[in-house]
């Protein structure tokens, strides 16, 4: 009988170890990276835009809760929305980053608004720190690009703020 008990105990221990190992391999935590970050040279001294891709390769969802930089007074997350033929920007205080998915911050959709940026010139680097509900902060270097893409390829369509007078900017605080 003692041999049977020993086999049962050994089997239970092996099963518990296997379960623990499988849980560790399942990616039960979010794994966040940020890539492709750019910030525009401000065409309006009070605000400029930033873009990047945030990816979660882990096994659990996370939430982007904020972005900070020393290059601006404040960074806000915004979504461009169209309703009844009017385009406006709405501030987002949280952006879900689902397990196994990427979220792109780009012109015409989700994007960053850097409020009261300092002097930014093409080729400068801006450090952005992303904060999450579950994950540690992620820091990414964003290259500053001018309207004509002088620091890289032509991204001028992203920076043209001239057509934005028809947009509701009330959420920008200024």
N, C-alpha and C. Protein backbone atom coordinates (compact mmCIF):
# COMPACT_ATOMS: atom_id res chain seq x y z
N UNK A 1 0.80 -1.19 0.00
CA UNK A 1 0.00 0.00 0.00
C UNK A 1 0.86 1.27 0.00
N UNK A 2 1.96 1.34 0.73
CA UNK A 2 2.77 2.54 0.70
C UNK A 2 3.29 2.86 -0.71
N UNK A 3 3.58 1.86 -1.53
CA UNK A 3 4.05 2.11 -2.89
C UNK A 3 2.95 2.76 -3.72
N UNK A 4 1.71 2.36 -3.53
CA UNK A 4 0.59 2.94 -4.26
C UNK A 4 0.39 4.40 -3.86
N UNK A 5 0.53 4.69 -2.58
CA UNK A 5 0.39 6.07 -2.11
C UNK A 5 1.51 6.92 -2.68
N UNK A 6 2.72 6.38 -2.71
CA UNK A 6 3.86 7.11 -3.25
C UNK A 6 3.65 7.41 -4.73
N UNK A 7 3.13 6.40 -5.48
CA UNK A 7 2.86 6.62 -6.91
C UNK A 7 1.78 7.69 -7.10
N UNK A 8 0.75 7.68 -6.28
CA UNK A 8 -0.32 8.67 -6.37
C UNK A 8 0.21 10.06 -6.06
N UNK A 9 1.03 10.16 -5.02
CA UNK A 9 1.61 11.45 -4.65
C UNK A 9 2.54 11.96 -5.74
N UNK A 10 3.35 11.05 -6.30
CA UNK A 10 4.26 11.44 -7.37
C UNK A 10 3.48 11.88 -8.61
N UNK A 11 2.40 11.18 -8.90
CA UNK A 11 1.56 11.55 -10.05
C UNK A 11 0.91 12.91 -9.85
N UNK A 12 0.44 13.18 -8.65
CA UNK A 12 -0.18 14.47 -8.35
C UNK A 12 0.85 15.59 -8.45
N UNK A 13 2.06 15.34 -7.96
CA UNK A 13 3.11 16.34 -8.03
C UNK A 13 3.50 16.61 -9.48
N UNK A 14 3.59 15.55 -10.28
CA UNK A 14 3.92 15.72 -11.70
C UNK A 14 2.84 16.51 -12.42
N UNK A 15 1.58 16.23 -12.10
CA UNK A 15 0.48 16.95 -12.73
C UNK A 15 0.50 18.43 -12.34
N UNK A 16 0.79 18.71 -11.08
CA UNK A 16 0.87 20.10 -10.62
C UNK A 16 2.02 20.83 -11.30
N UNK A 17 3.17 20.16 -11.43
CA UNK A 17 4.31 20.76 -12.11
C UNK A 17 3.99 21.03 -13.57
N UNK A 18 3.37 20.09 -14.25
CA UNK A 18 3.00 20.27 -15.65
C UNK A 18 2.04 21.43 -15.81
N UNK A 19 1.07 21.54 -14.92
CA UNK A 19 0.11 22.65 -14.99
C UNK A 19 0.82 23.99 -14.80
N UNK A 20 1.76 24.03 -13.86
CA UNK A 20 2.50 25.27 -13.62
C UNK A 20 3.34 25.65 -14.83
N UNK A 21 3.99 24.66 -15.43
CA UNK A 21 4.80 24.93 -16.62
C UNK A 21 3.94 25.40 -17.78
N UNK A 22 2.81 24.77 -17.99
CA UNK A 22 1.92 25.19 -19.07
C UNK A 22 1.38 26.59 -18.83
N UNK A 23 1.07 26.92 -17.61
CA UNK A 23 0.58 28.27 -17.30
C UNK A 23 1.65 29.30 -17.61
N UNK A 24 2.91 28.98 -17.34
CA UNK A 24 4.00 29.89 -17.64
C UNK A 24 4.21 30.08 -19.12
N UNK A 25 3.91 29.06 -19.91
CA UNK A 25 4.09 29.14 -21.36
C UNK A 25 2.91 29.79 -22.06
N UNK A 26 1.80 29.91 -21.39
CA UNK A 26 0.60 30.40 -22.05
C UNK A 26 0.63 31.90 -22.27
N UNK A 27 1.65 32.59 -21.75
CA UNK A 27 1.71 34.03 -21.94
C UNK A 27 0.62 34.72 -21.16
N UNK A 28 0.44 34.34 -19.90
CA UNK A 28 -0.64 34.86 -19.08
C UNK A 28 -0.54 36.33 -18.75
N UNK A 29 0.53 37.00 -19.12
CA UNK A 29 0.68 38.43 -18.84
C UNK A 29 0.83 39.18 -20.16
N UNK A 30 0.47 40.45 -20.17
CA UNK A 30 0.69 41.23 -21.38
C UNK A 30 2.19 41.43 -21.61
N UNK A 31 2.58 41.51 -22.86
CA UNK A 31 3.96 41.83 -23.25
C UNK A 31 3.87 42.94 -24.27
N UNK A 32 4.21 44.15 -23.85
CA UNK A 32 3.96 45.35 -24.64
C UNK A 32 5.25 45.87 -25.27
N UNK A 33 5.16 46.23 -26.56
CA UNK A 33 6.24 46.93 -27.25
C UNK A 33 5.63 48.11 -28.00
N UNK A 34 6.45 49.11 -28.25
CA UNK A 34 6.04 50.28 -29.02
C UNK A 34 7.08 50.51 -30.10
N UNK A 35 6.63 50.70 -31.34
CA UNK A 35 7.55 50.87 -32.47
C UNK A 35 7.04 51.95 -33.41
N UNK A 36 7.93 52.37 -34.31
CA UNK A 36 7.56 53.30 -35.38
C UNK A 36 7.12 54.67 -34.90
N UNK A 37 7.64 55.12 -33.77
CA UNK A 37 7.18 56.39 -33.20
C UNK A 37 7.75 57.59 -33.95
N UNK A 38 6.86 58.51 -34.29
CA UNK A 38 7.24 59.78 -34.90
C UNK A 38 6.44 60.90 -34.27
N UNK A 39 7.03 62.09 -34.27
CA UNK A 39 6.37 63.32 -33.83
C UNK A 39 6.61 64.33 -34.93
N UNK A 40 5.61 65.14 -35.22
CA UNK A 40 5.73 66.15 -36.27
C UNK A 40 6.33 67.44 -35.73
N UNK A 41 7.09 68.12 -36.58
CA UNK A 41 7.51 69.48 -36.26
C UNK A 41 6.23 70.30 -36.17
N UNK A 42 6.02 71.04 -35.09
CA UNK A 42 4.76 71.77 -34.94
C UNK A 42 4.57 72.83 -36.02
N UNK A 43 3.42 72.78 -36.71
CA UNK A 43 3.07 73.86 -37.62
C UNK A 43 2.27 74.91 -36.86
N UNK A 44 1.71 74.53 -35.74
CA UNK A 44 1.00 75.41 -34.81
C UNK A 44 1.80 75.33 -33.52
N UNK A 45 2.27 76.45 -32.99
CA UNK A 45 3.14 76.37 -31.81
C UNK A 45 2.49 75.75 -30.58
N UNK A 46 1.18 75.64 -30.53
CA UNK A 46 0.51 75.13 -29.35
C UNK A 46 0.28 73.64 -29.32
N UNK A 47 0.49 72.95 -30.46
CA UNK A 47 0.14 71.54 -30.51
C UNK A 47 0.84 70.87 -31.69
N UNK A 48 1.14 69.60 -31.52
CA UNK A 48 1.61 68.79 -32.64
C UNK A 48 1.15 67.36 -32.42
N UNK A 49 1.32 66.54 -33.44
CA UNK A 49 0.82 65.16 -33.39
C UNK A 49 1.95 64.16 -33.28
N UNK A 50 1.62 63.01 -32.71
CA UNK A 50 2.56 61.90 -32.61
C UNK A 50 1.87 60.61 -33.01
N UNK A 51 2.67 59.71 -33.58
CA UNK A 51 2.14 58.45 -34.09
C UNK A 51 3.07 57.31 -33.69
N UNK A 52 2.51 56.12 -33.50
CA UNK A 52 3.30 54.93 -33.18
C UNK A 52 2.38 53.72 -33.22
N UNK A 53 2.99 52.56 -33.10
CA UNK A 53 2.23 51.31 -33.01
C UNK A 53 2.56 50.66 -31.67
N UNK A 54 1.51 50.25 -30.96
CA UNK A 54 1.66 49.56 -29.67
C UNK A 54 1.18 48.14 -29.87
N UNK A 55 2.05 47.17 -29.55
CA UNK A 55 1.72 45.76 -29.76
C UNK A 55 1.76 45.00 -28.44
N UNK A 56 0.82 44.09 -28.28
CA UNK A 56 0.75 43.23 -27.10
C UNK A 56 0.91 41.78 -27.57
N UNK A 57 2.10 41.22 -27.41
CA UNK A 57 2.35 39.84 -27.83
C UNK A 57 2.10 38.85 -26.70
N UNK A 58 1.65 39.34 -25.56
CA UNK A 58 1.40 38.47 -24.42
C UNK A 58 0.06 37.79 -24.48
N UNK A 59 -0.26 37.10 -23.40
CA UNK A 59 -1.49 36.32 -23.34
C UNK A 59 -2.61 36.98 -22.58
N UNK A 60 -2.45 38.25 -22.19
CA UNK A 60 -3.50 38.95 -21.45
C UNK A 60 -3.64 40.37 -21.99
N UNK A 61 -4.85 40.89 -21.91
CA UNK A 61 -5.12 42.25 -22.34
C UNK A 61 -4.45 43.24 -21.40
N UNK A 62 -4.23 44.46 -21.89
CA UNK A 62 -3.74 45.55 -21.07
C UNK A 62 -4.45 46.82 -21.53
N UNK A 63 -4.22 47.90 -20.82
CA UNK A 63 -4.84 49.18 -21.16
C UNK A 63 -3.77 50.25 -21.11
N UNK A 64 -3.61 50.99 -22.21
CA UNK A 64 -2.73 52.16 -22.23
C UNK A 64 -3.47 53.27 -21.49
N UNK A 65 -2.87 53.75 -20.41
CA UNK A 65 -3.55 54.73 -19.56
C UNK A 65 -2.99 56.14 -19.69
N UNK A 66 -1.86 56.30 -20.38
CA UNK A 66 -1.32 57.63 -20.55
C UNK A 66 0.02 57.61 -21.25
N UNK A 67 0.41 58.80 -21.73
CA UNK A 67 1.70 58.99 -22.39
C UNK A 67 2.29 60.28 -21.85
N UNK A 68 3.59 60.28 -21.61
CA UNK A 68 4.27 61.46 -21.09
C UNK A 68 5.55 61.71 -21.88
N UNK A 69 5.99 62.96 -21.89
CA UNK A 69 7.26 63.34 -22.51
C UNK A 69 7.74 64.63 -21.89
N UNK A 70 9.05 64.83 -21.91
CA UNK A 70 9.62 66.10 -21.47
C UNK A 70 9.53 67.14 -22.58
N UNK A 71 9.15 66.73 -23.80
CA UNK A 71 9.13 67.62 -24.95
C UNK A 71 7.84 68.43 -25.07
N UNK A 72 6.87 68.21 -24.17
CA UNK A 72 5.60 68.94 -24.22
C UNK A 72 5.02 69.04 -22.81
N UNK A 73 4.14 70.01 -22.62
CA UNK A 73 3.49 70.18 -21.32
C UNK A 73 2.61 68.99 -20.98
N UNK A 74 1.95 68.42 -22.00
CA UNK A 74 1.02 67.33 -21.78
C UNK A 74 0.91 66.52 -23.07
N UNK A 75 0.64 65.23 -22.93
CA UNK A 75 0.34 64.38 -24.08
C UNK A 75 -1.06 63.81 -23.86
N UNK A 76 -1.91 63.98 -24.87
CA UNK A 76 -3.26 63.43 -24.82
C UNK A 76 -3.41 62.39 -25.92
N UNK A 77 -4.21 61.38 -25.64
CA UNK A 77 -4.57 60.39 -26.65
C UNK A 77 -5.92 60.82 -27.23
N UNK A 78 -5.98 60.88 -28.57
CA UNK A 78 -7.21 61.33 -29.23
C UNK A 78 -7.63 60.33 -30.29
N UNK A 79 -8.91 60.34 -30.60
CA UNK A 79 -9.46 59.58 -31.72
C UNK A 79 -10.17 60.57 -32.62
N UNK A 80 -9.92 60.47 -33.92
CA UNK A 80 -10.65 61.27 -34.89
C UNK A 80 -11.96 60.57 -35.17
N UNK A 81 -13.05 61.28 -35.00
CA UNK A 81 -14.38 60.70 -35.23
C UNK A 81 -15.15 61.58 -36.20
N UNK A 82 -16.00 60.95 -36.99
CA UNK A 82 -16.86 61.69 -37.91
C UNK A 82 -18.30 61.37 -37.56
N UNK A 83 -19.07 62.43 -37.37
CA UNK A 83 -20.48 62.27 -37.05
C UNK A 83 -21.27 63.36 -37.76
N UNK A 84 -22.27 62.96 -38.51
CA UNK A 84 -23.12 63.90 -39.25
C UNK A 84 -22.30 64.83 -40.13
N UNK A 85 -21.27 64.30 -40.78
CA UNK A 85 -20.45 65.07 -41.70
C UNK A 85 -19.44 65.99 -41.04
N UNK A 86 -19.35 65.97 -39.72
CA UNK A 86 -18.40 66.80 -39.00
C UNK A 86 -17.33 65.92 -38.38
N UNK A 87 -16.09 66.30 -38.61
CA UNK A 87 -14.96 65.57 -38.04
C UNK A 87 -14.51 66.28 -36.78
N UNK A 88 -14.28 65.52 -35.74
CA UNK A 88 -13.78 66.10 -34.49
C UNK A 88 -12.82 65.12 -33.85
N UNK A 89 -12.10 65.62 -32.87
CA UNK A 89 -11.19 64.78 -32.11
C UNK A 89 -11.73 64.65 -30.70
N UNK A 90 -11.77 63.42 -30.22
CA UNK A 90 -12.23 63.15 -28.86
C UNK A 90 -11.07 62.56 -28.06
N UNK A 91 -10.86 63.12 -26.89
CA UNK A 91 -9.80 62.62 -26.03
C UNK A 91 -10.17 61.24 -25.50
N UNK A 92 -9.17 60.36 -25.47
CA UNK A 92 -9.33 59.03 -24.90
C UNK A 92 -8.43 58.95 -23.68
N UNK A 93 -8.99 58.52 -22.57
CA UNK A 93 -8.22 58.40 -21.34
C UNK A 93 -7.64 57.01 -21.17
N UNK A 94 -8.18 56.06 -21.90
CA UNK A 94 -7.69 54.68 -21.89
C UNK A 94 -7.83 54.12 -23.30
N UNK A 95 -6.84 53.32 -23.70
CA UNK A 95 -6.90 52.63 -24.99
C UNK A 95 -6.59 51.16 -24.73
N UNK A 96 -7.56 50.27 -24.93
CA UNK A 96 -7.31 48.84 -24.73
C UNK A 96 -6.27 48.32 -25.73
N UNK A 97 -5.36 47.49 -25.23
CA UNK A 97 -4.38 46.81 -26.07
C UNK A 97 -4.61 45.32 -25.82
N UNK A 98 -5.37 44.69 -26.69
CA UNK A 98 -5.79 43.30 -26.51
C UNK A 98 -4.62 42.33 -26.75
N UNK A 99 -4.64 41.21 -26.06
CA UNK A 99 -3.62 40.18 -26.20
C UNK A 99 -3.52 39.76 -27.66
N UNK A 100 -2.30 39.71 -28.18
CA UNK A 100 -2.07 39.26 -29.54
C UNK A 100 -2.41 40.28 -30.61
N UNK A 101 -2.67 41.53 -30.23
CA UNK A 101 -3.07 42.54 -31.20
C UNK A 101 -2.18 43.77 -31.12
N UNK A 102 -2.26 44.59 -32.17
CA UNK A 102 -1.57 45.87 -32.24
C UNK A 102 -2.59 46.98 -32.36
N UNK A 103 -2.24 48.14 -31.83
CA UNK A 103 -3.05 49.33 -31.99
C UNK A 103 -2.16 50.38 -32.64
N UNK A 104 -2.63 50.91 -33.77
CA UNK A 104 -1.87 51.91 -34.49
C UNK A 104 -2.41 53.30 -34.19
N UNK A 105 -1.51 54.17 -33.78
CA UNK A 105 -1.82 55.59 -33.62
C UNK A 105 -1.35 56.26 -34.90
N UNK A 106 -2.30 56.72 -35.72
CA UNK A 106 -1.98 57.23 -37.05
C UNK A 106 -2.92 58.38 -37.40
N UNK A 107 -2.56 59.13 -38.41
CA UNK A 107 -3.39 60.23 -38.89
C UNK A 107 -4.77 59.71 -39.28
N UNK A 108 -5.81 60.40 -38.86
CA UNK A 108 -7.16 60.03 -39.21
C UNK A 108 -7.81 59.04 -38.27
N UNK A 109 -7.10 58.61 -37.24
CA UNK A 109 -7.64 57.65 -36.27
C UNK A 109 -7.16 58.00 -34.89
N UNK A 110 -6.76 56.99 -34.14
CA UNK A 110 -6.12 57.25 -32.85
C UNK A 110 -4.80 57.96 -33.11
N UNK A 111 -4.46 58.93 -32.29
CA UNK A 111 -3.18 59.63 -32.42
C UNK A 111 -2.87 60.31 -31.10
N UNK A 112 -1.64 60.75 -30.98
CA UNK A 112 -1.21 61.50 -29.80
C UNK A 112 -1.23 62.98 -30.13
N UNK A 113 -1.63 63.79 -29.17
CA UNK A 113 -1.54 65.24 -29.30
C UNK A 113 -0.59 65.74 -28.22
N UNK A 114 0.51 66.34 -28.65
CA UNK A 114 1.48 66.91 -27.73
C UNK A 114 1.12 68.37 -27.56
N UNK A 115 0.67 68.72 -26.36
CA UNK A 115 0.19 70.07 -26.07
C UNK A 115 1.34 70.94 -25.58
N UNK A 116 1.45 72.13 -26.17
CA UNK A 116 2.51 73.08 -25.81
C UNK A 116 3.89 72.44 -25.91
N UNK A 117 4.21 71.93 -27.11
CA UNK A 117 5.54 71.32 -27.26
C UNK A 117 6.63 72.39 -27.24
N UNK A 118 7.80 71.98 -26.86
CA UNK A 118 8.94 72.89 -26.92
C UNK A 118 9.42 73.03 -28.36
N UNK A 119 10.60 73.57 -28.52
CA UNK A 119 11.19 73.71 -29.85
C UNK A 119 11.54 72.32 -30.38
N UNK A 120 10.93 71.95 -31.48
CA UNK A 120 11.21 70.66 -32.12
C UNK A 120 11.63 70.90 -33.55
N UNK A 121 12.73 70.30 -33.94
CA UNK A 121 13.23 70.41 -35.30
C UNK A 121 13.37 69.03 -35.91
N UNK A 122 13.24 68.97 -37.22
CA UNK A 122 13.39 67.70 -37.93
C UNK A 122 14.71 67.05 -37.55
N UNK A 123 14.65 65.76 -37.26
CA UNK A 123 15.83 65.01 -36.88
C UNK A 123 16.02 64.89 -35.37
N UNK A 124 15.33 65.74 -34.60
CA UNK A 124 15.38 65.61 -33.14
C UNK A 124 14.76 64.29 -32.72
N UNK A 125 15.04 63.89 -31.50
CA UNK A 125 14.44 62.70 -30.93
C UNK A 125 13.66 63.09 -29.68
N UNK A 126 12.45 62.56 -29.58
CA UNK A 126 11.58 62.82 -28.44
C UNK A 126 11.34 61.48 -27.74
N UNK A 127 11.54 61.46 -26.45
CA UNK A 127 11.30 60.24 -25.66
C UNK A 127 9.85 60.25 -25.17
N UNK A 128 9.09 59.21 -25.53
CA UNK A 128 7.71 59.04 -25.08
C UNK A 128 7.66 57.89 -24.09
N UNK A 129 7.01 58.10 -22.96
CA UNK A 129 6.85 57.05 -21.95
C UNK A 129 5.37 56.69 -21.88
N UNK A 130 5.07 55.43 -22.19
CA UNK A 130 3.71 54.93 -22.20
C UNK A 130 3.44 54.21 -20.88
N UNK A 131 2.31 54.51 -20.26
CA UNK A 131 1.93 53.88 -18.99
C UNK A 131 0.73 52.97 -19.22
N UNK A 132 0.74 51.83 -18.52
CA UNK A 132 -0.28 50.80 -18.71
C UNK A 132 -0.89 50.41 -17.37
N UNK A 133 -2.09 49.85 -17.44
CA UNK A 133 -2.78 49.39 -16.24
C UNK A 133 -2.05 48.20 -15.61
N UNK A 134 -1.51 47.31 -16.41
CA UNK A 134 -0.88 46.08 -15.90
C UNK A 134 0.63 46.05 -16.09
N UNK A 135 1.10 46.48 -17.24
CA UNK A 135 2.52 46.36 -17.59
C UNK A 135 3.33 47.52 -17.03
N UNK A 136 4.63 47.30 -16.97
CA UNK A 136 5.54 48.39 -16.64
C UNK A 136 5.51 49.42 -17.75
N UNK A 137 5.96 50.64 -17.44
CA UNK A 137 6.05 51.68 -18.46
C UNK A 137 6.93 51.21 -19.61
N UNK A 138 6.61 51.68 -20.80
CA UNK A 138 7.40 51.39 -21.99
C UNK A 138 7.86 52.74 -22.55
N UNK A 139 9.16 52.87 -22.79
CA UNK A 139 9.71 54.11 -23.34
C UNK A 139 10.15 53.85 -24.78
N UNK A 140 9.80 54.80 -25.65
CA UNK A 140 10.15 54.68 -27.06
C UNK A 140 10.69 56.03 -27.53
N UNK A 141 11.68 55.98 -28.41
CA UNK A 141 12.24 57.19 -29.00
C UNK A 141 11.47 57.51 -30.28
N UNK A 142 10.95 58.73 -30.37
CA UNK A 142 10.21 59.17 -31.55
C UNK A 142 11.06 60.16 -32.33
N UNK A 143 11.18 59.92 -33.62
CA UNK A 143 11.91 60.84 -34.48
C UNK A 143 11.00 61.99 -34.88
N UNK A 144 11.53 63.21 -34.80
CA UNK A 144 10.76 64.38 -35.21
C UNK A 144 10.91 64.55 -36.71
N UNK A 145 9.76 64.65 -37.39
CA UNK A 145 9.73 64.80 -38.85
C UNK A 145 9.07 66.12 -39.21
N UNK A 146 9.59 66.77 -40.26
CA UNK A 146 8.96 68.02 -40.68
C UNK A 146 7.81 67.74 -41.65
N UNK A 147 7.09 68.79 -42.02
CA UNK A 147 5.90 68.66 -42.86
C UNK A 147 6.21 67.94 -44.17
N UNK A 148 7.36 68.18 -44.71
CA UNK A 148 7.72 67.58 -46.00
C UNK A 148 8.49 66.27 -45.83
N UNK A 149 8.59 65.78 -44.61
CA UNK A 149 9.27 64.51 -44.39
C UNK A 149 10.77 64.61 -44.47
N UNK A 150 11.33 65.75 -44.10
CA UNK A 150 12.76 65.97 -44.20
C UNK A 150 13.59 64.99 -43.39
N UNK A 151 13.00 64.38 -42.37
CA UNK A 151 13.74 63.42 -41.56
C UNK A 151 13.46 62.00 -42.00
N UNK A 152 12.86 61.84 -43.15
CA UNK A 152 12.51 60.50 -43.63
C UNK A 152 11.62 60.61 -44.83
N UNK A 153 10.74 59.63 -45.00
CA UNK A 153 9.85 59.65 -46.15
C UNK A 153 8.78 60.73 -45.99
N UNK A 154 8.07 61.03 -47.08
CA UNK A 154 7.07 62.09 -47.08
C UNK A 154 5.83 61.66 -46.30
N UNK A 155 5.60 62.33 -45.19
CA UNK A 155 4.40 62.11 -44.37
C UNK A 155 3.61 63.40 -44.26
N UNK A 156 3.71 64.27 -45.24
CA UNK A 156 3.12 65.60 -45.13
C UNK A 156 1.62 65.56 -44.90
N UNK A 157 0.94 64.52 -45.37
CA UNK A 157 -0.51 64.47 -45.17
C UNK A 157 -0.88 64.35 -43.70
N UNK A 158 0.05 63.91 -42.86
CA UNK A 158 -0.25 63.76 -41.44
C UNK A 158 -0.16 65.09 -40.69
N UNK A 159 0.60 66.03 -41.18
CA UNK A 159 0.88 67.25 -40.43
C UNK A 159 0.04 68.43 -40.87
N UNK A 160 -0.59 68.39 -42.01
CA UNK A 160 -1.30 69.54 -42.52
C UNK A 160 -2.45 69.90 -41.58
N UNK A 161 -2.23 70.89 -40.73
CA UNK A 161 -3.24 71.30 -39.76
C UNK A 161 -4.14 72.40 -40.34
N UNK A 162 -3.83 72.89 -41.57
CA UNK A 162 -4.59 73.99 -42.14
C UNK A 162 -6.06 73.64 -42.30
N UNK A 163 -6.39 72.42 -42.66
CA UNK A 163 -7.78 72.04 -42.89
C UNK A 163 -8.52 71.69 -41.61
N UNK A 164 -7.91 71.92 -40.48
CA UNK A 164 -8.51 71.48 -39.22
C UNK A 164 -9.40 72.54 -38.58
N UNK A 165 -9.57 73.70 -39.24
CA UNK A 165 -10.41 74.72 -38.63
C UNK A 165 -11.87 74.28 -38.52
N UNK A 166 -12.29 73.30 -39.34
CA UNK A 166 -13.65 72.78 -39.28
C UNK A 166 -13.81 71.72 -38.20
N UNK A 167 -12.73 71.33 -37.56
CA UNK A 167 -12.79 70.31 -36.52
C UNK A 167 -13.08 70.94 -35.17
N UNK A 168 -13.73 70.19 -34.34
CA UNK A 168 -14.00 70.61 -32.96
C UNK A 168 -12.77 70.29 -32.13
N UNK A 169 -12.05 71.32 -31.72
CA UNK A 169 -10.85 71.15 -30.92
C UNK A 169 -11.10 71.51 -29.46
N UNK A 170 -12.35 71.52 -29.04
CA UNK A 170 -12.67 71.95 -27.68
C UNK A 170 -12.00 71.09 -26.62
N UNK A 171 -11.69 69.86 -26.95
CA UNK A 171 -11.05 68.97 -25.99
C UNK A 171 -9.57 69.22 -25.82
N UNK A 172 -9.01 70.18 -26.55
CA UNK A 172 -7.57 70.43 -26.51
C UNK A 172 -7.16 71.38 -25.41
N UNK A 173 -8.10 72.01 -24.77
CA UNK A 173 -7.75 72.91 -23.67
C UNK A 173 -7.13 74.21 -24.11
N UNK A 174 -7.28 74.59 -25.37
CA UNK A 174 -6.71 75.88 -25.73
C UNK A 174 -6.87 76.24 -27.12
